[in-house]
Amino acid sequence: MIRLNRQVAKLAAAAAVSAVALAGSVSGSLAQEVTLRLHQFLPAQANVPKHVLDPWADKIEAESGGRIKIERYPAMQLGGKPPELIDQVVDGVVDIVWTVAGYTPGRFPRTEVFELPFTMTDAETMSRAYWKLAEETMMDQDFAPFKPLALWVHGPGVIHSSKPITALGDLNGVKLRAPTRVTNKLFSNLGATTIGMPVPAIPEALSKGVVDATVIPWEVVGALKVNELVKNHTEFPGNAIYTTAFIFAMNKDKYESLPDDLKAIIDANSGEEFSALAGKTMQADDAGPRAAAVEMGNNIITLTPEQVAEWQAAAQSTIDEWTAEMDGKGLDGTGLRKRAAELMAN
C-alpha cells in the first residue's frame, strides 16, 4: 500500500511538472501573437537591409516584447520580381515590402516630383518633404491600397560608366541603365540609350555588355560590386542630377488585424521621422563605397559648377515635359513642383 501511494505521488509530481512545462510553452506561444514577413529586393548584406530595415524590425520586435516577430526575406527569396513587390503587399502574399515606386511606371505619378532632375538637395530633407506631400496628396489616392510605413529617397545619384562621362556629348550612344520612368526619360533626352531594369540586374548587365553605364547612389555600389565592373564615376556637386523614391509599405488588412497596442508600436516607428532617418542613413552610407572606389584607383569625375550648369540646362526639357504631362492628367504638376519645393525649404 505504501509502495502504491509512492507510485501515485510520483505520477502526480510528473503530471504537475508536465503541466507547468505545457503552461510555459502555451504562454510562450501566446506571447508571440503576430509574425510578419518582410520582403525586399536587395541582398541581406546591402546597406539598406543592414542599416535601415533590420534595425527597424529589431526595434518593433523589442518594443512589442516579442509579441511581433518579423521574418526578413531579402533578394526576392519569396518569389517574384522586384516590380511585383507592391502587388504582393496589396494582395497579402507578404505583409511588408520595401520597393522602388518607379518599378511600376505610372502607378505612383505624384512620387515622381522628387525624382525630377536637379531637384534633390539632401536625402533627409527630401524624404521628410516626400512624407509630408504624401499626407497632403497621396495617402487616399496613390497609396490607398496599402498602409505606407515610410517614404524616402536615396542620396545623390551618380553615373557609373565603362568610359569617362564629363560632357553631355559623352552620353551619345551609351547604353545606360536607369531605375524609373523619370530617369529613363531624362537620360534619353540627354542622348543615352536607356534600358530600364531593377537594381539586382545591374551586375550581370554590366558584365555582359548589355549596358555600358548605370545610375545608382554610391551606397549600393559595394553590394553590387559595380566599382569592380566599371572604373568611372561621375558626380554632380550641389543638387543631384536625380534620386529615386522608395515605398515601405504594409498590407492594410494585416495592420487592421493587430490589437491596438501593437498598432501603436507600428505607428510609433513609422511616418515622417522614420522616413527622414531612412533617407539620412542611405546618404550617410554613400561614404564607404565611394572611399573603396578611391582606394581601388577608380576615376572619380566631379563636375565643375559650369559643367553642371550645362547639364541642368539640358535637363530642363524633362522637367517641362513631366509638368505638362501631369497637368494634362489633372494632377497639377505645376502645383506639385511648387509644393515639393516649399516643403523642402521648410
C-alpha atoms as a PDB file:
ATOM      1  CA  MET A   1       0.000   0.000   0.000  1.00  0.00           C
ATOM      2  CA  ILE A   2       2.860   2.340   0.899  1.00  0.00           C
ATOM      3  CA  ARG A   3       4.568   1.443  -2.390  1.00  0.00           C
ATOM      4  CA  LEU A   4       1.353   2.168  -4.303  1.00  0.00           C
ATOM      5  CA  ASN A   5       0.999   5.567  -2.616  1.00  0.00           C
ATOM      6  CA  ARG A   6       4.582   6.439  -3.589  1.00  0.00           C
ATOM      7  CA  GLN A   7       3.921   5.496  -7.195  1.00  0.00           C
ATOM      8  CA  VAL A   8       0.782   7.613  -7.204  1.00  0.00           C
ATOM      9  CA  ALA A   9       2.758  10.512  -5.711  1.00  0.00           C
ATOM     10  CA  LYS A  10       5.469  10.176  -8.360  1.00  0.00           C
ATOM     11  CA  LEU A  11       2.907  10.124 -11.145  1.00  0.00           C
ATOM     12  CA  ALA A  12       1.199  13.180  -9.662  1.00  0.00           C
ATOM     13  CA  ALA A  13       4.529  15.034  -9.454  1.00  0.00           C
ATOM     14  CA  ALA A  14       5.404  14.121 -13.021  1.00  0.00           C
ATOM     15  CA  ALA A  15       1.998  15.289 -14.163  1.00  0.00           C
ATOM     16  CA  ALA A  16       2.495  18.561 -12.308  1.00  0.00           C
ATOM     17  CA  VAL A  17       5.894  19.134 -13.969  1.00  0.00           C
ATOM     18  CA  SER A  18       4.389  18.357 -17.358  1.00  0.00           C
ATOM     19  CA  ALA A  19       1.539  20.757 -16.687  1.00  0.00           C
ATOM     20  CA  VAL A  20       3.949  23.547 -15.733  1.00  0.00           C
ATOM     21  CA  ALA A  21       6.066  22.913 -18.831  1.00  0.00           C
ATOM     22  CA  LEU A  22       2.977  22.852 -21.015  1.00  0.00           C
ATOM     23  CA  ALA A  23       1.700  26.054 -19.433  1.00  0.00           C
ATOM     24  CA  GLY A  24       5.060  27.731 -20.088  1.00  0.00           C
ATOM     25  CA  SER A  25       5.009  26.522 -23.656  1.00  0.00           C
ATOM     26  CA  VAL A  26       1.474  27.784 -24.195  1.00  0.00           C
ATOM     27  CA  SER A  27       2.181  31.152 -22.600  1.00  0.00           C
ATOM     28  CA  GLY A  28       5.327  31.450 -24.705  1.00  0.00           C
ATOM     29  CA  SER A  29       3.394  30.741 -27.880  1.00  0.00           C
ATOM     30  CA  LEU A  30       0.700  33.196 -26.891  1.00  0.00           C
ATOM     31  CA  ALA A  31       3.323  35.900 -26.240  1.00  0.00           C
ATOM     32  CA  GLN A  32       4.312  35.860 -29.916  1.00  0.00           C
ATOM     33  CA  GLU A  33       0.994  36.917 -31.332  1.00  0.00           C
ATOM     34  CA  VAL A  34       1.989  38.057 -34.812  1.00  0.00           C
ATOM     35  CA  THR A  35       4.511  37.018 -37.442  1.00  0.00           C
ATOM     36  CA  LEU A  36       5.107  39.491 -40.254  1.00  0.00           C
ATOM     37  CA  ARG A  37       7.014  38.651 -43.433  1.00  0.00           C
ATOM     38  CA  LEU A  38       9.154  41.478 -44.840  1.00  0.00           C
ATOM     39  CA  HIS A  39      10.136  41.053 -48.494  1.00  0.00           C
ATOM     40  CA  GLN A  40      12.574  43.195 -50.472  1.00  0.00           C
ATOM     41  CA  PHE A  41      14.900  43.065 -53.472  1.00  0.00           C
ATOM     42  CA  LEU A  42      18.439  43.676 -52.170  1.00  0.00           C
ATOM     43  CA  PRO A  43      20.795  41.071 -50.691  1.00  0.00           C
ATOM     44  CA  ALA A  44      20.872  40.900 -46.895  1.00  0.00           C
ATOM     45  CA  GLN A  45      24.391  42.347 -46.723  1.00  0.00           C
ATOM     46  CA  ALA A  46      23.437  45.545 -48.598  1.00  0.00           C
ATOM     47  CA  ASN A  47      23.288  48.791 -46.644  1.00  0.00           C
ATOM     48  CA  VAL A  48      19.513  49.312 -46.642  1.00  0.00           C
ATOM     49  CA  PRO A  49      18.701  45.909 -45.134  1.00  0.00           C
ATOM     50  CA  LYS A  50      21.584  46.168 -42.658  1.00  0.00           C
ATOM     51  CA  HIS A  51      21.204  49.792 -41.596  1.00  0.00           C
ATOM     52  CA  VAL A  52      17.523  50.628 -42.174  1.00  0.00           C
ATOM     53  CA  LEU A  53      15.211  47.617 -42.448  1.00  0.00           C
ATOM     54  CA  ASP A  54      16.812  45.280 -39.908  1.00  0.00           C
ATOM     55  CA  PRO A  55      17.161  47.955 -37.195  1.00  0.00           C
ATOM     56  CA  TRP A  56      13.515  48.901 -37.776  1.00  0.00           C
ATOM     57  CA  ALA A  57      12.384  45.283 -37.490  1.00  0.00           C
ATOM     58  CA  ASP A  58      14.562  44.686 -34.416  1.00  0.00           C
ATOM     59  CA  LYS A  59      13.035  47.747 -32.748  1.00  0.00           C
ATOM     60  CA  ILE A  60       9.485  46.590 -33.468  1.00  0.00           C
ATOM     61  CA  GLU A  61      10.249  43.163 -32.012  1.00  0.00           C
ATOM     62  CA  ALA A  62      11.878  44.623 -28.900  1.00  0.00           C
ATOM     63  CA  GLU A  63       9.170  47.192 -28.204  1.00  0.00           C
ATOM     64  CA  SER A  64       6.459  44.567 -28.615  1.00  0.00           C
ATOM     65  CA  GLY A  65       8.134  42.342 -26.048  1.00  0.00           C
ATOM     66  CA  GLY A  66       8.463  39.622 -28.648  1.00  0.00           C
ATOM     67  CA  ARG A  67       4.771  39.640 -29.499  1.00  0.00           C
ATOM     68  CA  ILE A  68       5.652  40.700 -33.034  1.00  0.00           C
ATOM     69  CA  LYS A  69       8.143  38.581 -34.963  1.00  0.00           C
ATOM     70  CA  ILE A  70       9.387  39.961 -38.280  1.00  0.00           C
ATOM     71  CA  GLU A  71      10.800  37.423 -40.707  1.00  0.00           C
ATOM     72  CA  ARG A  72      13.155  39.073 -43.206  1.00  0.00           C
ATOM     73  CA  TYR A  73      13.347  37.814 -46.790  1.00  0.00           C
ATOM     74  CA  PRO A  74      15.990  39.612 -48.889  1.00  0.00           C
ATOM     75  CA  ALA A  75      16.758  39.314 -52.592  1.00  0.00           C
ATOM     76  CA  MET A  76      13.202  38.273 -53.567  1.00  0.00           C
ATOM     77  CA  GLN A  77      13.502  34.997 -51.641  1.00  0.00           C
ATOM     78  CA  LEU A  78       9.708  34.595 -51.513  1.00  0.00           C
ATOM     79  CA  GLY A  79       9.484  34.658 -55.288  1.00  0.00           C
ATOM     80  CA  GLY A  80       8.501  37.088 -57.989  1.00  0.00           C
ATOM     81  CA  LYS A  81      10.415  40.022 -59.435  1.00  0.00           C
ATOM     82  CA  PRO A  82      11.012  43.444 -57.836  1.00  0.00           C
ATOM     83  CA  PRO A  83       8.201  45.161 -59.805  1.00  0.00           C
ATOM     84  CA  GLU A  84       5.767  42.645 -58.266  1.00  0.00           C
ATOM     85  CA  LEU A  85       6.533  43.636 -54.669  1.00  0.00           C
ATOM     86  CA  ILE A  86       3.847  46.284 -54.385  1.00  0.00           C
ATOM     87  CA  ASP A  87       1.132  43.861 -55.537  1.00  0.00           C
ATOM     88  CA  GLN A  88       2.478  41.220 -53.161  1.00  0.00           C
ATOM     89  CA  VAL A  89       1.797  43.515 -50.221  1.00  0.00           C
ATOM     90  CA  VAL A  90      -1.555  44.709 -51.583  1.00  0.00           C
ATOM     91  CA  ASP A  91      -2.713  41.134 -52.135  1.00  0.00           C
ATOM     92  CA  GLY A  92      -1.425  39.894 -48.779  1.00  0.00           C
ATOM     93  CA  VAL A  93       1.108  37.482 -50.289  1.00  0.00           C
ATOM     94  CA  VAL A  94       3.555  39.160 -47.893  1.00  0.00           C
ATOM     95  CA  ASP A  95       2.949  41.564 -45.015  1.00  0.00           C
ATOM     96  CA  ILE A  96       5.577  44.269 -45.550  1.00  0.00           C
ATOM     97  CA  VAL A  97       7.648  45.316 -48.568  1.00  0.00           C
ATOM     98  CA  TRP A  98      10.341  47.816 -49.398  1.00  0.00           C
ATOM     99  CA  THR A  99      10.348  48.760 -53.076  1.00  0.00           C
ATOM    100  CA  VAL A 100      11.011  51.437 -55.670  1.00  0.00           C
ATOM    101  CA  ALA A 101       7.923  53.475 -56.548  1.00  0.00           C
ATOM    102  CA  GLY A 102       9.054  53.638 -60.172  1.00  0.00           C
ATOM    103  CA  TYR A 103       9.284  49.868 -60.612  1.00  0.00           C
ATOM    104  CA  THR A 104       5.623  50.102 -61.643  1.00  0.00           C
ATOM    105  CA  PRO A 105       5.735  53.050 -64.079  1.00  0.00           C
ATOM    106  CA  GLY A 106       2.780  55.423 -63.905  1.00  0.00           C
ATOM    107  CA  ARG A 107       1.255  53.822 -60.814  1.00  0.00           C
ATOM    108  CA  PHE A 108       2.504  56.454 -58.359  1.00  0.00           C
ATOM    109  CA  PRO A 109       2.767  59.562 -60.529  1.00  0.00           C
ATOM    110  CA  ARG A 110       2.960  62.112 -57.720  1.00  0.00           C
ATOM    111  CA  THR A 111       6.080  60.486 -56.263  1.00  0.00           C
ATOM    112  CA  GLU A 112       7.924  61.373 -59.460  1.00  0.00           C
ATOM    113  CA  VAL A 113       8.090  65.051 -58.486  1.00  0.00           C
ATOM    114  CA  PHE A 114      11.004  64.144 -56.207  1.00  0.00           C
ATOM    115  CA  GLU A 115      12.835  62.310 -58.995  1.00  0.00           C
ATOM    116  CA  LEU A 116      12.950  65.289 -61.341  1.00  0.00           C
ATOM    117  CA  PRO A 117      16.491  66.285 -62.338  1.00  0.00           C
ATOM    118  CA  PHE A 118      18.438  68.630 -60.096  1.00  0.00           C
ATOM    119  CA  THR A 119      15.571  68.804 -57.583  1.00  0.00           C
ATOM    120  CA  MET A 120      17.231  66.794 -54.822  1.00  0.00           C
ATOM    121  CA  THR A 121      19.152  68.662 -52.120  1.00  0.00           C
ATOM    122  CA  ASP A 122      19.838  66.063 -49.445  1.00  0.00           C
ATOM    123  CA  ALA A 123      18.077  62.800 -48.727  1.00  0.00           C
ATOM    124  CA  GLU A 124      16.917  63.624 -45.195  1.00  0.00           C
ATOM    125  CA  THR A 125      15.256  66.900 -46.203  1.00  0.00           C
ATOM    126  CA  MET A 126      13.667  65.451 -49.316  1.00  0.00           C
ATOM    127  CA  SER A 127      12.442  62.314 -47.530  1.00  0.00           C
ATOM    128  CA  ARG A 128      10.710  64.445 -44.921  1.00  0.00           C
ATOM    129  CA  ALA A 129       9.107  66.510 -47.689  1.00  0.00           C
ATOM    130  CA  TYR A 130       8.095  63.313 -49.523  1.00  0.00           C
ATOM    131  CA  TRP A 131       6.177  62.062 -46.477  1.00  0.00           C
ATOM    132  CA  LYS A 132       4.504  65.435 -45.924  1.00  0.00           C
ATOM    133  CA  LEU A 133       3.436  65.763 -49.564  1.00  0.00           C
ATOM    134  CA  ALA A 134       2.123  62.197 -49.437  1.00  0.00           C
ATOM    135  CA  GLU A 135      -0.010  63.092 -46.416  1.00  0.00           C
ATOM    136  CA  GLU A 136      -1.423  66.025 -48.374  1.00  0.00           C
ATOM    137  CA  THR A 137      -1.966  64.381 -51.762  1.00  0.00           C
ATOM    138  CA  MET A 138      -1.201  60.653 -51.935  1.00  0.00           C
ATOM    139  CA  MET A 139      -2.444  58.635 -48.949  1.00  0.00           C
ATOM    140  CA  ASP A 140      -6.060  58.366 -50.133  1.00  0.00           C
ATOM    141  CA  GLN A 141      -5.151  58.084 -53.807  1.00  0.00           C
ATOM    142  CA  ASP A 142      -1.767  56.701 -54.921  1.00  0.00           C
ATOM    143  CA  PHE A 143      -1.250  54.758 -51.686  1.00  0.00           C
ATOM    144  CA  ALA A 144      -4.842  53.847 -50.823  1.00  0.00           C
ATOM    145  CA  PRO A 145      -4.438  50.054 -51.403  1.00  0.00           C
ATOM    146  CA  PHE A 146      -1.811  49.666 -48.629  1.00  0.00           C
ATOM    147  CA  LYS A 147      -0.538  51.272 -45.430  1.00  0.00           C
ATOM    148  CA  PRO A 148       2.608  53.368 -46.008  1.00  0.00           C
ATOM    149  CA  LEU A 149       5.103  52.923 -43.185  1.00  0.00           C
ATOM    150  CA  ALA A 150       7.768  55.244 -44.573  1.00  0.00           C
ATOM    151  CA  LEU A 151       8.667  57.064 -47.782  1.00  0.00           C
ATOM    152  CA  TRP A 152      12.176  58.158 -48.594  1.00  0.00           C
ATOM    153  CA  VAL A 153      14.801  58.833 -51.264  1.00  0.00           C
ATOM    154  CA  HIS A 154      18.457  57.886 -51.553  1.00  0.00           C
ATOM    155  CA  GLY A 155      21.480  60.174 -51.653  1.00  0.00           C
ATOM    156  CA  PRO A 156      22.830  61.920 -54.752  1.00  0.00           C
ATOM    157  CA  GLY A 157      22.627  59.850 -57.915  1.00  0.00           C
ATOM    158  CA  VAL A 158      25.940  59.096 -59.650  1.00  0.00           C
ATOM    159  CA  ILE A 159      26.759  57.898 -63.185  1.00  0.00           C
ATOM    160  CA  HIS A 160      28.983  54.790 -63.135  1.00  0.00           C
ATOM    161  CA  SER A 161      30.387  54.023 -66.588  1.00  0.00           C
ATOM    162  CA  SER A 162      32.919  51.995 -68.552  1.00  0.00           C
ATOM    163  CA  LYS A 163      34.162  55.164 -70.300  1.00  0.00           C
ATOM    164  CA  PRO A 164      34.503  58.595 -68.666  1.00  0.00           C
ATOM    165  CA  ILE A 165      31.418  60.817 -68.868  1.00  0.00           C
ATOM    166  CA  THR A 166      32.013  64.518 -68.354  1.00  0.00           C
ATOM    167  CA  ALA A 167      30.334  66.457 -71.145  1.00  0.00           C
ATOM    168  CA  LEU A 168      26.790  65.874 -72.376  1.00  0.00           C
ATOM    169  CA  GLY A 169      28.133  64.547 -75.655  1.00  0.00           C
ATOM    170  CA  ASP A 170      29.810  61.688 -73.811  1.00  0.00           C
ATOM    171  CA  LEU A 171      26.375  60.119 -73.342  1.00  0.00           C
ATOM    172  CA  ASN A 172      25.754  59.717 -77.068  1.00  0.00           C
ATOM    173  CA  GLY A 173      25.481  56.038 -77.916  1.00  0.00           C
ATOM    174  CA  VAL A 174      25.931  54.931 -74.289  1.00  0.00           C
ATOM    175  CA  LYS A 175      23.632  52.105 -73.195  1.00  0.00           C
ATOM    176  CA  LEU A 176      22.618  53.247 -69.740  1.00  0.00           C
ATOM    177  CA  ARG A 177      20.521  51.563 -67.065  1.00  0.00           C
ATOM    178  CA  ALA A 178      18.159  53.899 -65.241  1.00  0.00           C
ATOM    179  CA  PRO A 179      15.752  52.965 -62.418  1.00  0.00           C
ATOM    180  CA  THR A 180      12.483  54.786 -63.123  1.00  0.00           C
ATOM    181  CA  ARG A 181      10.277  56.335 -65.773  1.00  0.00           C
ATOM    182  CA  VAL A 182      11.550  59.839 -64.997  1.00  0.00           C
ATOM    183  CA  THR A 183      15.224  58.890 -65.022  1.00  0.00           C
ATOM    184  CA  ASN A 184      14.816  56.934 -68.258  1.00  0.00           C
ATOM    185  CA  LYS A 185      13.183  59.978 -69.830  1.00  0.00           C
ATOM    186  CA  LEU A 186      15.938  62.248 -68.508  1.00  0.00           C
ATOM    187  CA  PHE A 187      18.872  60.235 -69.832  1.00  0.00           C
ATOM    188  CA  SER A 188      17.125  59.537 -73.132  1.00  0.00           C
ATOM    189  CA  ASN A 189      16.655  63.280 -73.556  1.00  0.00           C
ATOM    190  CA  LEU A 190      20.335  63.767 -72.744  1.00  0.00           C
ATOM    191  CA  GLY A 191      21.414  61.391 -75.528  1.00  0.00           C
ATOM    192  CA  ALA A 192      21.836  57.973 -73.930  1.00  0.00           C
ATOM    193  CA  THR A 193      20.114  54.770 -74.965  1.00  0.00           C
ATOM    194  CA  THR A 194      18.282  53.915 -71.767  1.00  0.00           C
ATOM    195  CA  ILE A 195      17.439  50.438 -70.544  1.00  0.00           C
ATOM    196  CA  GLY A 196      15.189  50.016 -67.520  1.00  0.00           C
ATOM    197  CA  MET A 197      15.858  47.213 -65.068  1.00  0.00           C
ATOM    198  CA  PRO A 198      15.693  46.612 -61.308  1.00  0.00           C
ATOM    199  CA  VAL A 199      18.889  47.183 -59.369  1.00  0.00           C
ATOM    200  CA  PRO A 200      19.723  43.472 -58.776  1.00  0.00           C
ATOM    201  CA  ALA A 201      20.104  43.001 -62.544  1.00  0.00           C
ATOM    202  CA  ILE A 202      22.857  45.624 -62.870  1.00  0.00           C
ATOM    203  CA  PRO A 203      25.983  43.474 -62.271  1.00  0.00           C
ATOM    204  CA  GLU A 204      25.101  40.901 -64.928  1.00  0.00           C
ATOM    205  CA  ALA A 205      24.039  43.614 -67.389  1.00  0.00           C
ATOM    206  CA  LEU A 206      27.370  45.421 -66.956  1.00  0.00           C
ATOM    207  CA  SER A 207      29.479  42.268 -67.089  1.00  0.00           C
ATOM    208  CA  LYS A 208      27.779  41.059 -70.285  1.00  0.00           C
ATOM    209  CA  GLY A 209      27.836  44.453 -72.000  1.00  0.00           C
ATOM    210  CA  VAL A 210      24.056  44.781 -72.044  1.00  0.00           C
ATOM    211  CA  VAL A 211      24.678  48.260 -70.619  1.00  0.00           C
ATOM    212  CA  ASP A 212      27.797  50.459 -70.580  1.00  0.00           C
ATOM    213  CA  ALA A 213      26.731  52.553 -67.615  1.00  0.00           C
ATOM    214  CA  THR A 214      24.282  52.735 -64.760  1.00  0.00           C
ATOM    215  CA  VAL A 215      22.968  55.390 -62.417  1.00  0.00           C
ATOM    216  CA  ILE A 216      22.796  54.428 -58.746  1.00  0.00           C
ATOM    217  CA  PRO A 217      23.846  56.096 -55.500  1.00  0.00           C
ATOM    218  CA  TRP A 218      27.219  55.223 -54.014  1.00  0.00           C
ATOM    219  CA  GLU A 219      25.687  53.320 -51.090  1.00  0.00           C
ATOM    220  CA  VAL A 220      24.662  50.300 -53.176  1.00  0.00           C
ATOM    221  CA  VAL A 221      27.833  50.176 -55.289  1.00  0.00           C
ATOM    222  CA  GLY A 222      29.676  47.927 -52.859  1.00  0.00           C
ATOM    223  CA  ALA A 223      26.945  45.307 -52.537  1.00  0.00           C
ATOM    224  CA  LEU A 224      26.649  45.079 -56.329  1.00  0.00           C
ATOM    225  CA  LYS A 225      30.446  45.303 -56.920  1.00  0.00           C
ATOM    226  CA  VAL A 226      29.854  47.989 -59.531  1.00  0.00           C
ATOM    227  CA  ASN A 227      33.206  49.625 -58.747  1.00  0.00           C
ATOM    228  CA  GLU A 228      34.857  46.398 -59.929  1.00  0.00           C
ATOM    229  CA  LEU A 229      32.837  46.272 -63.157  1.00  0.00           C
ATOM    230  CA  VAL A 230      33.335  49.892 -64.250  1.00  0.00           C
ATOM    231  CA  LYS A 231      36.045  52.359 -63.284  1.00  0.00           C
ATOM    232  CA  ASN A 232      34.499  55.777 -63.959  1.00  0.00           C
ATOM    233  CA  HIS A 233      32.098  57.600 -61.630  1.00  0.00           C
ATOM    234  CA  THR A 234      30.571  60.998 -62.456  1.00  0.00           C
ATOM    235  CA  GLU A 235      29.355  63.159 -59.563  1.00  0.00           C
ATOM    236  CA  PHE A 236      27.226  66.316 -59.670  1.00  0.00           C
ATOM    237  CA  PRO A 237      28.001  68.707 -56.784  1.00  0.00           C
ATOM    238  CA  GLY A 238      25.078  70.722 -55.445  1.00  0.00           C
ATOM    239  CA  ASN A 239      21.607  69.479 -56.285  1.00  0.00           C
ATOM    240  CA  ALA A 240      21.801  65.879 -57.503  1.00  0.00           C
ATOM    241  CA  ILE A 241      21.078  65.005 -61.122  1.00  0.00           C
ATOM    242  CA  TYR A 242      18.455  62.545 -59.848  1.00  0.00           C
ATOM    243  CA  THR A 243      17.273  60.441 -56.933  1.00  0.00           C
ATOM    244  CA  THR A 244      14.816  57.556 -56.526  1.00  0.00           C
ATOM    245  CA  ALA A 245      11.607  57.427 -54.482  1.00  0.00           C
ATOM    246  CA  PHE A 246      11.074  54.365 -52.273  1.00  0.00           C
ATOM    247  CA  ILE A 247       7.969  52.943 -50.598  1.00  0.00           C
ATOM    248  CA  PHE A 248       7.997  50.962 -47.349  1.00  0.00           C
ATOM    249  CA  ALA A 249       4.502  49.531 -47.024  1.00  0.00           C
ATOM    250  CA  MET A 250       2.346  47.125 -45.025  1.00  0.00           C
ATOM    251  CA  ASN A 251      -0.708  45.136 -46.016  1.00  0.00           C
ATOM    252  CA  LYS A 252      -3.763  47.069 -44.841  1.00  0.00           C
ATOM    253  CA  ASP A 253      -5.764  44.077 -43.627  1.00  0.00           C
ATOM    254  CA  LYS A 254      -2.805  42.726 -41.685  1.00  0.00           C
ATOM    255  CA  TYR A 255      -2.311  46.062 -39.974  1.00  0.00           C
ATOM    256  CA  GLU A 256      -6.011  46.374 -39.137  1.00  0.00           C
ATOM    257  CA  SER A 257      -5.993  42.857 -37.659  1.00  0.00           C
ATOM    258  CA  LEU A 258      -3.449  43.853 -34.995  1.00  0.00           C
ATOM    259  CA  PRO A 259      -4.573  44.692 -31.469  1.00  0.00           C
ATOM    260  CA  ASP A 260      -4.465  48.410 -30.722  1.00  0.00           C
ATOM    261  CA  ASP A 261      -1.306  48.252 -28.613  1.00  0.00           C
ATOM    262  CA  LEU A 262       0.628  46.544 -31.422  1.00  0.00           C
ATOM    263  CA  LYS A 263      -0.734  49.000 -33.975  1.00  0.00           C
ATOM    264  CA  ALA A 264       0.586  51.764 -31.730  1.00  0.00           C
ATOM    265  CA  ILE A 265       4.078  50.246 -31.857  1.00  0.00           C
ATOM    266  CA  ILE A 266       3.990  50.082 -35.652  1.00  0.00           C
ATOM    267  CA  ASP A 267       2.709  53.671 -35.818  1.00  0.00           C
ATOM    268  CA  ALA A 268       5.342  54.982 -33.412  1.00  0.00           C
ATOM    269  CA  ASN A 269       8.055  53.615 -35.702  1.00  0.00           C
ATOM    270  CA  SER A 270       6.511  54.842 -38.949  1.00  0.00           C
ATOM    271  CA  GLY A 271       5.888  58.161 -40.639  1.00  0.00           C
ATOM    272  CA  GLU A 272       7.830  61.359 -41.156  1.00  0.00           C
ATOM    273  CA  GLU A 273      10.619  60.847 -38.627  1.00  0.00           C
ATOM    274  CA  PHE A 274      11.464  57.330 -39.758  1.00  0.00           C
ATOM    275  CA  SER A 275      11.272  58.442 -43.397  1.00  0.00           C
ATOM    276  CA  ALA A 276      13.773  61.221 -42.704  1.00  0.00           C
ATOM    277  CA  LEU A 277      16.045  58.848 -40.769  1.00  0.00           C
ATOM    278  CA  ALA A 278      15.990  56.269 -43.571  1.00  0.00           C
ATOM    279  CA  GLY A 279      16.929  58.893 -46.164  1.00  0.00           C
ATOM    280  CA  LYS A 280      19.674  60.289 -43.938  1.00  0.00           C
ATOM    281  CA  THR A 281      21.045  56.794 -43.313  1.00  0.00           C
ATOM    282  CA  MET A 282      21.114  55.923 -47.007  1.00  0.00           C
ATOM    283  CA  GLN A 283      23.035  59.085 -47.836  1.00  0.00           C
ATOM    284  CA  ALA A 284      25.486  58.522 -44.969  1.00  0.00           C
ATOM    285  CA  ASP A 285      26.153  55.055 -46.385  1.00  0.00           C
ATOM    286  CA  ASP A 286      27.447  56.633 -49.607  1.00  0.00           C
ATOM    287  CA  ALA A 287      30.798  57.340 -47.927  1.00  0.00           C
ATOM    288  CA  GLY A 288      32.114  53.795 -47.567  1.00  0.00           C
ATOM    289  CA  PRO A 289      31.687  52.556 -51.158  1.00  0.00           C
ATOM    290  CA  ARG A 290      32.991  55.861 -52.508  1.00  0.00           C
ATOM    291  CA  ALA A 291      36.118  55.569 -50.381  1.00  0.00           C
ATOM    292  CA  ALA A 292      36.558  51.985 -51.599  1.00  0.00           C
ATOM    293  CA  ALA A 293      36.405  53.156 -55.230  1.00  0.00           C
ATOM    294  CA  VAL A 294      39.044  55.806 -54.488  1.00  0.00           C
ATOM    295  CA  GLU A 295      41.190  53.154 -52.797  1.00  0.00           C
ATOM    296  CA  MET A 296      40.927  50.995 -55.922  1.00  0.00           C
ATOM    297  CA  GLY A 297      42.210  53.883 -58.032  1.00  0.00           C
ATOM    298  CA  ASN A 298      38.956  54.395 -59.916  1.00  0.00           C
ATOM    299  CA  ASN A 299      38.359  57.640 -61.807  1.00  0.00           C
ATOM    300  CA  ILE A 300      36.097  59.937 -59.737  1.00  0.00           C
ATOM    301  CA  ILE A 301      34.860  62.731 -62.008  1.00  0.00           C
ATOM    302  CA  THR A 302      33.494  65.662 -60.009  1.00  0.00           C
ATOM    303  CA  LEU A 303      31.944  68.177 -62.385  1.00  0.00           C
ATOM    304  CA  THR A 304      32.593  71.892 -62.012  1.00  0.00           C
ATOM    305  CA  PRO A 305      29.679  74.313 -61.410  1.00  0.00           C
ATOM    306  CA  GLU A 306      29.988  75.446 -65.035  1.00  0.00           C
ATOM    307  CA  GLN A 307      29.745  71.873 -66.305  1.00  0.00           C
ATOM    308  CA  VAL A 308      26.789  71.134 -64.040  1.00  0.00           C
ATOM    309  CA  ALA A 309      25.015  74.229 -65.383  1.00  0.00           C
ATOM    310  CA  GLU A 310      25.185  72.767 -68.910  1.00  0.00           C
ATOM    311  CA  TRP A 311      23.600  69.516 -67.707  1.00  0.00           C
ATOM    312  CA  GLN A 312      20.919  71.448 -65.825  1.00  0.00           C
ATOM    313  CA  ALA A 313      20.006  73.462 -68.902  1.00  0.00           C
ATOM    314  CA  ALA A 314      19.730  70.294 -70.974  1.00  0.00           C
ATOM    315  CA  ALA A 315      17.614  68.591 -68.292  1.00  0.00           C
ATOM    316  CA  GLN A 316      15.010  71.365 -68.201  1.00  0.00           C
ATOM    317  CA  SER A 317      13.079  69.793 -71.063  1.00  0.00           C
ATOM    318  CA  THR A 318      12.478  66.659 -68.939  1.00  0.00           C
ATOM    319  CA  ILE A 319      11.039  68.817 -66.147  1.00  0.00           C
ATOM    320  CA  ASP A 320       8.830  70.707 -68.593  1.00  0.00           C
ATOM    321  CA  GLU A 321       7.574  67.503 -70.244  1.00  0.00           C
ATOM    322  CA  TRP A 322       6.728  65.925 -66.892  1.00  0.00           C
ATOM    323  CA  THR A 323       4.923  69.033 -65.661  1.00  0.00           C
ATOM    324  CA  ALA A 324       2.837  69.270 -68.827  1.00  0.00           C
ATOM    325  CA  GLU A 325       2.027  65.549 -68.661  1.00  0.00           C
ATOM    326  CA  MET A 326       0.841  65.772 -65.050  1.00  0.00           C
ATOM    327  CA  ASP A 327      -1.143  68.940 -65.779  1.00  0.00           C
ATOM    328  CA  GLY A 328      -2.775  67.132 -68.690  1.00  0.00           C
ATOM    329  CA  LYS A 329      -3.808  64.267 -66.392  1.00  0.00           C
ATOM    330  CA  GLY A 330      -5.372  66.666 -63.933  1.00  0.00           C
ATOM    331  CA  LEU A 331      -2.650  66.014 -61.335  1.00  0.00           C
ATOM    332  CA  ASP A 332      -1.399  69.618 -61.231  1.00  0.00           C
ATOM    333  CA  GLY A 333       2.264  69.034 -61.982  1.00  0.00           C
ATOM    334  CA  THR A 334       2.928  72.741 -61.585  1.00  0.00           C
ATOM    335  CA  GLY A 335       1.377  72.727 -58.119  1.00  0.00           C
ATOM    336  CA  LEU A 336       3.180  69.533 -57.105  1.00  0.00           C
ATOM    337  CA  ARG A 337       6.552  71.008 -58.027  1.00  0.00           C
ATOM    338  CA  LYS A 338       5.788  74.220 -56.167  1.00  0.00           C
ATOM    339  CA  ARG A 339       4.574  72.437 -53.044  1.00  0.00           C
ATOM    340  CA  ALA A 340       7.522  69.981 -53.033  1.00  0.00           C
ATOM    341  CA  ALA A 341       9.933  72.927 -53.212  1.00  0.00           C
ATOM    342  CA  GLU A 342       8.121  74.664 -50.334  1.00  0.00           C
ATOM    343  CA  LEU A 343       8.284  71.561 -48.150  1.00  0.00           C
ATOM    344  CA  MET A 344      11.973  71.053 -48.855  1.00  0.00           C
ATOM    345  CA  ALA A 345      12.659  74.703 -47.984  1.00  0.00           C
ATOM    346  CA  ASN A 346      10.985  74.441 -44.544  1.00  0.00           C
END
